[in-house]
């Protein structure tokens, strides 16, 4: 069983957008895979959420992530709180700036990835967004690995 003291030294990363039904869900899946691949299970905690969560992950997102080997059909969008964001080392927003960066605090590295919303897009465009997210997540983990 995990206790709060287990995660004191863990790096906390949040992926957030408005609905938590597309870009942030894809980012979370890729981050979970990177964490596993790099053997960082206890070293990196991943949060995801939205400011106005949808009822379910977008169908086109589920489809293109399934093509990449991820099953997001059982994921449920959730709200993320300001307190959760303040507890993070890094927060990646997806280009839907509903976040007043000043409210999070200077101790959090907030990055806006400025990604198109996949909702309602054709599958080829959603694949492009997915692939861009995969690269950004890998680069973030490269950066974490290089940090002292």
C-alpha atoms as a PDB file:
ATOM      1  CA  UNK A   1       0.000   0.000   0.000  1.00  0.00           C
ATOM      2  CA  UNK A   2       1.263   3.470  -0.869  1.00  0.00           C
ATOM      3  CA  UNK A   3       1.475   6.188   1.717  1.00  0.00           C
ATOM      4  CA  UNK A   4       2.042   9.881   1.266  1.00  0.00           C
ATOM      5  CA  UNK A   5       5.646   9.491   2.367  1.00  0.00           C
ATOM      6  CA  UNK A   6       6.362   7.113  -0.528  1.00  0.00           C
ATOM      7  CA  UNK A   7       5.983   9.904  -3.052  1.00  0.00           C
ATOM      8  CA  UNK A   8       7.875  12.712  -1.315  1.00  0.00           C
ATOM      9  CA  UNK A   9      10.730  12.630  -3.822  1.00  0.00           C
ATOM     10  CA  UNK A  10       8.606  11.701  -6.829  1.00  0.00           C
ATOM     11  CA  UNK A  11       8.402  14.120  -9.729  1.00  0.00           C
ATOM     12  CA  UNK A  12       4.749  15.027 -10.286  1.00  0.00           C
ATOM     13  CA  UNK A  13       3.558  15.773 -13.798  1.00  0.00           C
ATOM     14  CA  UNK A  14       0.045  16.845 -14.760  1.00  0.00           C
ATOM     15  CA  UNK A  15      -1.465  16.803 -18.238  1.00  0.00           C
ATOM     16  CA  UNK A  16      -4.553  18.961 -18.427  1.00  0.00           C
ATOM     17  CA  UNK A  17      -7.007  20.501 -20.825  1.00  0.00           C
ATOM     18  CA  UNK A  18     -10.622  21.581 -20.703  1.00  0.00           C
ATOM     19  CA  UNK A  19     -12.461  18.300 -21.278  1.00  0.00           C
ATOM     20  CA  UNK A  20      -9.744  15.767 -20.314  1.00  0.00           C
ATOM     21  CA  UNK A  21     -11.128  13.676 -23.174  1.00  0.00           C
ATOM     22  CA  UNK A  22      -8.453  13.898 -25.856  1.00  0.00           C
ATOM     23  CA  UNK A  23      -5.004  15.458 -25.725  1.00  0.00           C
ATOM     24  CA  UNK A  24      -4.460  15.113 -21.986  1.00  0.00           C
ATOM     25  CA  UNK A  25      -5.647  11.485 -22.062  1.00  0.00           C
ATOM     26  CA  UNK A  26      -3.227  10.696 -24.904  1.00  0.00           C
ATOM     27  CA  UNK A  27      -0.416  12.482 -23.043  1.00  0.00           C
ATOM     28  CA  UNK A  28      -1.143  10.507 -19.894  1.00  0.00           C
ATOM     29  CA  UNK A  29      -1.072   7.178 -21.731  1.00  0.00           C
ATOM     30  CA  UNK A  30       2.262   7.985 -23.385  1.00  0.00           C
ATOM     31  CA  UNK A  31       3.672   9.230 -20.058  1.00  0.00           C
ATOM     32  CA  UNK A  32       2.632   6.025 -18.304  1.00  0.00           C
ATOM     33  CA  UNK A  33       4.417   4.041 -21.000  1.00  0.00           C
ATOM     34  CA  UNK A  34       7.566   6.202 -20.767  1.00  0.00           C
ATOM     35  CA  UNK A  35       7.576   5.865 -16.984  1.00  0.00           C
ATOM     36  CA  UNK A  36       7.403   2.073 -17.336  1.00  0.00           C
ATOM     37  CA  UNK A  37       9.982   1.863 -20.146  1.00  0.00           C
ATOM     38  CA  UNK A  38      12.469   3.940 -18.194  1.00  0.00           C
ATOM     39  CA  UNK A  39      11.927   2.127 -14.908  1.00  0.00           C
ATOM     40  CA  UNK A  40      10.659   5.260 -13.131  1.00  0.00           C
ATOM     41  CA  UNK A  41       7.648   3.662 -11.427  1.00  0.00           C
ATOM     42  CA  UNK A  42       8.182   5.184  -8.002  1.00  0.00           C
ATOM     43  CA  UNK A  43       9.956   8.294  -9.268  1.00  0.00           C
ATOM     44  CA  UNK A  44       7.282   9.890 -11.461  1.00  0.00           C
ATOM     45  CA  UNK A  45       3.648  10.468 -10.527  1.00  0.00           C
ATOM     46  CA  UNK A  46       1.277  11.314 -13.372  1.00  0.00           C
ATOM     47  CA  UNK A  47      -1.951  13.273 -12.968  1.00  0.00           C
ATOM     48  CA  UNK A  48      -4.509  14.187 -15.575  1.00  0.00           C
ATOM     49  CA  UNK A  49      -7.677  16.199 -15.553  1.00  0.00           C
ATOM     50  CA  UNK A  50      -9.714  18.964 -17.052  1.00  0.00           C
ATOM     51  CA  UNK A  51     -11.316  22.192 -15.984  1.00  0.00           C
ATOM     52  CA  UNK A  52     -14.694  21.119 -17.460  1.00  0.00           C
ATOM     53  CA  UNK A  53     -14.474  17.344 -17.973  1.00  0.00           C
ATOM     54  CA  UNK A  54     -16.437  15.590 -20.705  1.00  0.00           C
ATOM     55  CA  UNK A  55     -18.542  12.497 -20.070  1.00  0.00           C
ATOM     56  CA  UNK A  56     -16.150  10.178 -21.928  1.00  0.00           C
ATOM     57  CA  UNK A  57     -12.928  10.102 -23.924  1.00  0.00           C
ATOM     58  CA  UNK A  58     -13.518  11.154 -27.552  1.00  0.00           C
ATOM     59  CA  UNK A  59     -14.225   8.190 -29.852  1.00  0.00           C
ATOM     60  CA  UNK A  60     -11.612   9.247 -32.413  1.00  0.00           C
ATOM     61  CA  UNK A  61      -8.994   9.431 -29.655  1.00  0.00           C
ATOM     62  CA  UNK A  62      -9.878   5.936 -28.440  1.00  0.00           C
ATOM     63  CA  UNK A  63      -9.559   4.664 -32.021  1.00  0.00           C
ATOM     64  CA  UNK A  64      -6.158   6.176 -32.871  1.00  0.00           C
ATOM     65  CA  UNK A  65      -4.703   5.275 -29.479  1.00  0.00           C
ATOM     66  CA  UNK A  66      -5.901   1.702 -29.964  1.00  0.00           C
ATOM     67  CA  UNK A  67      -3.919   1.672 -33.230  1.00  0.00           C
ATOM     68  CA  UNK A  68      -0.842   2.615 -31.172  1.00  0.00           C
ATOM     69  CA  UNK A  69      -1.455  -0.155 -28.636  1.00  0.00           C
ATOM     70  CA  UNK A  70      -3.324   1.756 -25.916  1.00  0.00           C
ATOM     71  CA  UNK A  71      -6.807   0.992 -24.649  1.00  0.00           C
ATOM     72  CA  UNK A  72      -8.372   4.223 -23.432  1.00  0.00           C
ATOM     73  CA  UNK A  73     -11.948   2.925 -23.599  1.00  0.00           C
ATOM     74  CA  UNK A  74     -12.115   2.502 -19.822  1.00  0.00           C
ATOM     75  CA  UNK A  75     -10.732   5.946 -18.975  1.00  0.00           C
ATOM     76  CA  UNK A  76     -13.041   8.580 -17.552  1.00  0.00           C
ATOM     77  CA  UNK A  77     -12.365  12.303 -17.810  1.00  0.00           C
ATOM     78  CA  UNK A  78     -12.018  13.923 -14.404  1.00  0.00           C
ATOM     79  CA  UNK A  79     -11.705  17.388 -12.953  1.00  0.00           C
ATOM     80  CA  UNK A  80      -8.296  18.529 -11.791  1.00  0.00           C
ATOM     81  CA  UNK A  81      -8.030  20.908  -8.868  1.00  0.00           C
ATOM     82  CA  UNK A  82      -5.795  23.906  -8.399  1.00  0.00           C
ATOM     83  CA  UNK A  83      -4.319  22.217  -5.327  1.00  0.00           C
ATOM     84  CA  UNK A  84      -3.378  19.178  -7.434  1.00  0.00           C
ATOM     85  CA  UNK A  85      -1.725  21.432 -10.003  1.00  0.00           C
ATOM     86  CA  UNK A  86       0.161  23.331  -7.298  1.00  0.00           C
ATOM     87  CA  UNK A  87       1.565  20.032  -6.010  1.00  0.00           C
ATOM     88  CA  UNK A  88       3.176  19.290  -9.383  1.00  0.00           C
ATOM     89  CA  UNK A  89       6.671  19.909 -10.659  1.00  0.00           C
ATOM     90  CA  UNK A  90       5.456  20.163 -14.276  1.00  0.00           C
ATOM     91  CA  UNK A  91       2.063  20.972 -15.765  1.00  0.00           C
ATOM     92  CA  UNK A  92       1.491  20.561 -19.497  1.00  0.00           C
ATOM     93  CA  UNK A  93      -1.572  22.335 -20.845  1.00  0.00           C
ATOM     94  CA  UNK A  94      -2.751  21.343 -24.276  1.00  0.00           C
ATOM     95  CA  UNK A  95      -3.411  24.697 -25.909  1.00  0.00           C
ATOM     96  CA  UNK A  96      -6.773  25.376 -24.355  1.00  0.00           C
ATOM     97  CA  UNK A  97      -5.620  27.954 -21.870  1.00  0.00           C
ATOM     98  CA  UNK A  98      -8.239  27.930 -19.179  1.00  0.00           C
ATOM     99  CA  UNK A  99      -5.439  27.980 -16.651  1.00  0.00           C
ATOM    100  CA  UNK A 100      -4.359  31.230 -15.059  1.00  0.00           C
ATOM    101  CA  UNK A 101      -0.703  30.345 -14.704  1.00  0.00           C
ATOM    102  CA  UNK A 102      -0.300  32.859 -11.893  1.00  0.00           C
ATOM    103  CA  UNK A 103      -2.712  30.858  -9.765  1.00  0.00           C
ATOM    104  CA  UNK A 104      -0.563  27.724  -9.919  1.00  0.00           C
ATOM    105  CA  UNK A 105       2.523  29.357  -8.477  1.00  0.00           C
ATOM    106  CA  UNK A 106       6.095  30.056  -9.455  1.00  0.00           C
ATOM    107  CA  UNK A 107       7.352  26.668  -8.237  1.00  0.00           C
ATOM    108  CA  UNK A 108       5.503  24.807 -11.004  1.00  0.00           C
ATOM    109  CA  UNK A 109       6.955  24.584 -14.520  1.00  0.00           C
ATOM    110  CA  UNK A 110       3.862  25.207 -16.682  1.00  0.00           C
ATOM    111  CA  UNK A 111       4.146  24.510 -20.396  1.00  0.00           C
ATOM    112  CA  UNK A 112       1.487  25.146 -23.011  1.00  0.00           C
ATOM    113  CA  UNK A 113       1.900  22.575 -25.778  1.00  0.00           C
ATOM    114  CA  UNK A 114      -0.554  24.458 -28.053  1.00  0.00           C
ATOM    115  CA  UNK A 115      -2.030  21.334 -29.648  1.00  0.00           C
ATOM    116  CA  UNK A 116      -5.144  21.213 -31.816  1.00  0.00           C
ATOM    117  CA  UNK A 117      -8.221  19.688 -30.219  1.00  0.00           C
ATOM    118  CA  UNK A 118      -8.837  16.237 -31.755  1.00  0.00           C
ATOM    119  CA  UNK A 119     -12.573  16.343 -31.012  1.00  0.00           C
ATOM    120  CA  UNK A 120     -14.482  16.001 -34.278  1.00  0.00           C
ATOM    121  CA  UNK A 121     -11.336  15.877 -36.432  1.00  0.00           C
ATOM    122  CA  UNK A 122     -10.744  13.277 -39.124  1.00  0.00           C
ATOM    123  CA  UNK A 123      -8.638  10.298 -38.072  1.00  0.00           C
ATOM    124  CA  UNK A 124      -5.562  11.366 -40.059  1.00  0.00           C
ATOM    125  CA  UNK A 125      -5.447  14.678 -38.165  1.00  0.00           C
ATOM    126  CA  UNK A 126      -5.998  12.933 -34.837  1.00  0.00           C
ATOM    127  CA  UNK A 127      -3.086  10.596 -35.676  1.00  0.00           C
ATOM    128  CA  UNK A 128      -0.879  13.648 -36.327  1.00  0.00           C
ATOM    129  CA  UNK A 129      -1.871  15.123 -32.961  1.00  0.00           C
ATOM    130  CA  UNK A 130      -1.226  11.747 -31.280  1.00  0.00           C
ATOM    131  CA  UNK A 131       2.233  11.489 -32.841  1.00  0.00           C
ATOM    132  CA  UNK A 132       3.119  15.044 -31.817  1.00  0.00           C
ATOM    133  CA  UNK A 133       2.043  14.280 -28.254  1.00  0.00           C
ATOM    134  CA  UNK A 134       4.134  11.097 -28.214  1.00  0.00           C
ATOM    135  CA  UNK A 135       7.219  13.131 -29.181  1.00  0.00           C
ATOM    136  CA  UNK A 136       6.561  15.851 -26.618  1.00  0.00           C
ATOM    137  CA  UNK A 137       6.090  13.324 -23.815  1.00  0.00           C
ATOM    138  CA  UNK A 138       9.303  11.494 -24.759  1.00  0.00           C
ATOM    139  CA  UNK A 139      11.173  14.834 -24.807  1.00  0.00           C
ATOM    140  CA  UNK A 140       9.809  15.718 -21.352  1.00  0.00           C
ATOM    141  CA  UNK A 141      11.024  12.388 -19.992  1.00  0.00           C
ATOM    142  CA  UNK A 142      14.411  12.914 -21.679  1.00  0.00           C
ATOM    143  CA  UNK A 143      14.585  16.240 -19.865  1.00  0.00           C
ATOM    144  CA  UNK A 144      13.646  14.610 -16.553  1.00  0.00           C
ATOM    145  CA  UNK A 145      16.301  11.925 -17.069  1.00  0.00           C
ATOM    146  CA  UNK A 146      18.946  14.574 -17.711  1.00  0.00           C
ATOM    147  CA  UNK A 147      18.039  16.603 -14.601  1.00  0.00           C
ATOM    148  CA  UNK A 148      20.419  16.268 -11.639  1.00  0.00           C
END
